[in-house]
Protein backbone atom coordinates (compact mmCIF):
# COMPACT_ATOMS: atom_id res chain seq x y z
CA UNK A 1 -10.51 16.51 4.14
CA UNK A 2 -8.70 16.93 7.43
CA UNK A 3 -9.10 14.30 10.13
CA UNK A 4 -9.04 15.83 13.59
CA UNK A 5 -10.51 13.05 15.69
CA UNK A 6 -10.51 9.25 15.48
CA UNK A 7 -11.72 6.65 17.95
CA UNK A 8 -12.05 2.89 18.01
CA UNK A 9 -15.72 1.93 18.36
CA UNK A 10 -16.16 -1.84 18.34
CA UNK A 11 -14.92 -5.16 16.98
CA UNK A 12 -17.98 -6.90 15.60
CA UNK A 13 -18.61 -10.49 14.56
CA UNK A 14 -22.34 -10.21 13.84
CA UNK A 15 -24.74 -7.68 12.40
CA UNK A 16 -26.40 -6.79 15.69
CA UNK A 17 -23.04 -5.52 16.98
CA UNK A 18 -22.59 -2.95 14.19
CA UNK A 19 -22.86 0.72 15.26
CA UNK A 20 -26.48 1.88 15.18
CA UNK A 21 -25.81 5.60 14.75
CA UNK A 22 -26.68 5.62 11.03
CA UNK A 23 -23.41 7.31 10.03
CA UNK A 24 -21.92 6.63 6.57
CA UNK A 25 -19.12 4.06 6.33
CA UNK A 26 -16.14 3.42 4.07
CA UNK A 27 -14.77 -0.13 4.25
CA UNK A 28 -11.32 -1.57 3.53
CA UNK A 29 -10.89 -5.04 2.03
CA UNK A 30 -7.78 -6.94 1.00
CA UNK A 31 -5.62 -9.97 1.55
CA UNK A 32 -4.09 -10.58 4.95
CA UNK A 33 -0.91 -8.56 5.45
CA UNK A 34 -1.64 -6.23 2.50
CA UNK A 35 -1.50 -3.21 4.83
CA UNK A 36 -5.10 -2.26 5.63
CA UNK A 37 -4.35 -1.26 9.21
CA UNK A 38 -1.25 0.68 8.16
CA UNK A 39 -3.26 2.60 5.56
CA UNK A 40 -5.95 3.48 8.10
CA UNK A 41 -3.37 4.64 10.66
CA UNK A 42 -1.64 6.76 8.01
CA UNK A 43 -4.72 8.61 6.79
CA UNK A 44 -5.97 9.33 10.34
CA UNK A 45 -2.49 10.38 11.56
CA UNK A 46 -2.40 7.81 14.34
CA UNK A 47 0.34 5.22 14.85
CA UNK A 48 -1.56 2.40 16.47
CA UNK A 49 -5.30 3.00 16.45
CA UNK A 50 -5.77 0.25 13.87
CA UNK A 51 -3.74 -2.69 15.05
CA UNK A 52 -0.96 -3.80 12.74
CA UNK A 53 0.86 -7.09 12.90
CA UNK A 54 3.66 -8.92 11.12
CA UNK A 55 1.54 -12.04 11.52
CA UNK A 56 -1.05 -12.31 8.71
CA UNK A 57 -4.59 -13.20 9.66
CA UNK A 58 -4.60 -11.34 12.96
CA UNK A 59 -7.68 -9.25 12.12
CA UNK A 60 -10.50 -11.70 12.75
CA UNK A 61 -13.32 -9.23 13.35
CA UNK A 62 -14.90 -6.23 11.64
CA UNK A 63 -13.35 -3.20 13.29
CA UNK A 64 -15.19 0.13 13.29
CA UNK A 65 -13.45 3.50 13.78
CA UNK A 66 -15.35 6.75 14.29
CA UNK A 67 -13.79 9.62 12.35
CA UNK A 68 -14.48 13.32 13.10
CA UNK A 69 -17.66 12.17 14.85
CA UNK A 70 -19.43 11.97 11.49
CA UNK A 71 -18.41 8.78 9.64
CA UNK A 72 -16.82 5.37 10.15
CA UNK A 73 -13.83 3.64 8.61
CA UNK A 74 -14.35 -0.12 8.67
CA UNK A 75 -11.50 -2.65 8.61
CA UNK A 76 -12.72 -6.04 7.33
CA UNK A 77 -10.88 -9.34 8.00
CA UNK A 78 -8.12 -10.12 5.51
CA UNK A 79 -8.80 -12.85 2.99
CA UNK A 80 -6.57 -15.38 1.28
CA UNK A 81 -4.32 -16.33 4.20
CA UNK A 82 -3.39 -20.00 3.86
CA UNK A 83 -2.19 -20.76 7.38
CA UNK A 84 -5.54 -20.78 9.11
CA UNK A 85 -8.14 -23.49 9.36
CA UNK A 86 -10.92 -23.91 6.82
CA UNK A 87 -13.49 -23.11 9.50
CA UNK A 88 -11.82 -19.76 10.23
CA UNK A 89 -11.65 -18.91 6.52
CA UNK A 90 -15.35 -19.67 6.13
CA UNK A 91 -16.17 -17.54 9.17
CA UNK A 92 -14.20 -14.58 7.80
CA UNK A 93 -15.98 -14.97 4.47
CA UNK A 94 -19.33 -14.87 6.26
CA UNK A 95 -18.32 -11.66 8.10
CA UNK A 96 -17.27 -9.96 4.87
CA UNK A 97 -20.22 -11.13 2.79
CA UNK A 98 -22.84 -10.17 5.37
CA UNK A 99 -21.36 -6.72 5.86
CA UNK A 100 -20.84 -5.86 2.18
CA UNK A 101 -24.21 -7.20 1.06
CA UNK A 102 -26.42 -5.92 3.85
CA UNK A 103 -24.95 -2.71 5.26
CA UNK A 104 -27.06 0.28 4.12
CA UNK A 105 -24.55 2.76 5.64
CA UNK A 106 -21.81 1.64 3.24
CA UNK A 107 -20.97 4.46 0.80
CA UNK A 108 -17.56 3.34 -0.47
CA UNK A 109 -15.12 0.43 -0.50
CA UNK A 110 -11.36 0.49 -0.85
CA UNK A 111 -9.74 -2.72 -2.10
CA UNK A 112 -6.04 -3.04 -1.31
CA UNK A 113 -3.66 -5.03 -3.51
CA UNK A 114 0.08 -5.46 -2.95
CA UNK A 115 1.83 -3.57 -5.76
CA UNK A 116 4.82 -5.93 -5.61
CA UNK A 117 2.89 -9.04 -6.66
CA UNK A 118 0.31 -9.96 -9.32
CA UNK A 119 -3.24 -10.07 -7.94
CA UNK A 120 -4.26 -13.47 -6.62
CA UNK A 121 -7.42 -15.38 -7.47
CA UNK A 122 -8.85 -14.12 -4.16
CA UNK A 123 -8.11 -10.53 -5.24
CA UNK A 124 -9.81 -11.19 -8.57
CA UNK A 125 -12.91 -12.69 -6.96
CA UNK A 126 -13.19 -9.73 -4.58
CA UNK A 127 -12.75 -7.24 -7.43
CA UNK A 128 -15.49 -8.93 -9.49
CA UNK A 129 -17.77 -8.99 -6.45
CA UNK A 130 -17.25 -5.29 -5.79
CA UNK A 131 -18.13 -4.46 -9.39
CA UNK A 132 -21.44 -6.29 -9.03
CA UNK A 133 -22.31 -4.68 -5.70
CA UNK A 134 -22.81 -1.32 -7.36
CA UNK A 135 -21.10 0.57 -4.53
CA UNK A 136 -18.29 3.02 -5.45
CA UNK A 137 -14.88 1.48 -4.90
CA UNK A 138 -11.23 2.44 -5.21
CA UNK A 139 -8.30 0.18 -6.00
CA UNK A 140 -5.22 0.97 -3.91
CA UNK A 141 -1.86 -0.67 -4.61
CA UNK A 142 0.05 -0.73 -1.33
CA UNK A 143 3.74 -0.92 -0.39
CA UNK A 144 4.77 1.27 -3.30
CA UNK A 145 7.98 2.18 -1.45
CA UNK A 146 9.14 -1.44 -1.65
CA UNK A 147 9.89 -1.19 -5.37
CA UNK A 148 11.64 1.52 -7.37
CA UNK A 149 9.57 4.33 -8.86
CA UNK A 150 10.77 3.29 -12.29
CA UNK A 151 8.96 -0.03 -11.84
CA UNK A 152 5.62 1.43 -10.69
CA UNK A 153 4.03 1.62 -14.14
CA UNK A 154 5.12 -1.93 -14.95
CA UNK A 155 3.54 -3.29 -11.79
CA UNK A 156 0.35 -1.27 -12.29
CA UNK A 157 0.12 -2.74 -15.79
CA UNK A 158 0.40 -6.25 -14.38
CA UNK A 159 -2.47 -5.52 -11.98
CA UNK A 160 -4.60 -4.09 -14.80
CA UNK A 161 -3.98 -7.10 -17.02
CA UNK A 162 -4.70 -9.62 -14.28
CA UNK A 163 -7.94 -7.89 -13.27
CA UNK A 164 -8.82 -7.13 -16.91
CA UNK A 165 -9.53 -3.48 -16.24
CA UNK A 166 -9.26 -0.42 -18.45
CA UNK A 167 -11.05 2.49 -16.81
CA UNK A 168 -10.67 1.94 -13.07
CA UNK A 169 -7.85 3.98 -11.57
CA UNK A 170 -5.20 2.35 -9.40
CA UNK A 171 -3.97 4.56 -6.59
CA UNK A 172 -0.44 3.89 -5.37
CA UNK A 173 0.09 4.04 -1.61
CA UNK A 174 2.91 3.78 0.89
CA UNK A 175 2.58 3.96 4.64
CA UNK A 176 6.32 4.68 4.85
CA UNK A 177 6.56 7.85 2.75
CA UNK A 178 2.82 8.73 2.70
CA UNK A 179 2.51 8.37 -1.08
CA UNK A 180 -1.19 8.43 -1.94
CA UNK A 181 -2.41 9.57 1.46
CA UNK A 182 -4.05 12.78 0.26
CA UNK A 183 -5.54 11.08 -2.80
CA UNK A 184 -7.19 8.37 -0.66
CA UNK A 185 -8.55 11.01 1.71
CA UNK A 186 -9.90 13.00 -1.23
CA UNK A 187 -11.67 9.91 -2.58
CA UNK A 188 -13.23 9.16 0.82
CA UNK A 189 -14.34 12.78 1.12
CA UNK A 190 -15.96 12.50 -2.30
CA UNK A 191 -18.05 9.50 -1.26
CA UNK A 192 -19.19 11.28 1.90
CA UNK A 193 -20.11 14.40 -0.07
CA UNK A 194 -22.13 12.31 -2.52
CA UNK A 195 -23.97 10.71 0.38
CA UNK A 196 -24.83 14.16 1.77
CA UNK A 197 -26.20 15.27 -1.62
CA UNK A 198 -28.38 12.16 -1.87
CA UNK A 199 -29.70 12.72 1.66
CA UNK A 200 -30.60 16.34 0.81
CA UNK A 201 -32.51 15.19 -2.25
CA UNK A 202 -34.69 12.72 -0.35
């Protein structure tokens, strides 16, 4: 898949603000500062469409981006950031839960985990939730450039053991050297193609 056009649509905090165009959506979830915005900017070939920040917890809304005029990428608030109030954490959780549970347009979810560190309890809870949702999802281990290639398999093994997974693939990604960019795009394209097949069958 080649992305030729990308536009910011809206930052939403409630369901009635979501785009009403009926287009399919692929959402990104992960801990604060795991690199969701950097991944989005990399795959759409834009430097700053999705806002990045060295300050975790900056994304406090659900951000929708229109891609090629035919689907949305959706950046959900980061979870697991300790230095915010309990009220803010609960509000973020409400945003994420409402969107993931109730959005009929959602055709795929990408969960990001930092390759450098073992998954947290928040990562584990999100992973278990995604399995029960029944929506296709992809695990992406970010910041692969921050450790040597010789250590990649070791760190992937740690993630597998912590999440207790055998079959799910873990896609390595780096916004610095573009590792995994084409693979993530191919996965997104696959979810959109599956959605088109289902629509044709109805």
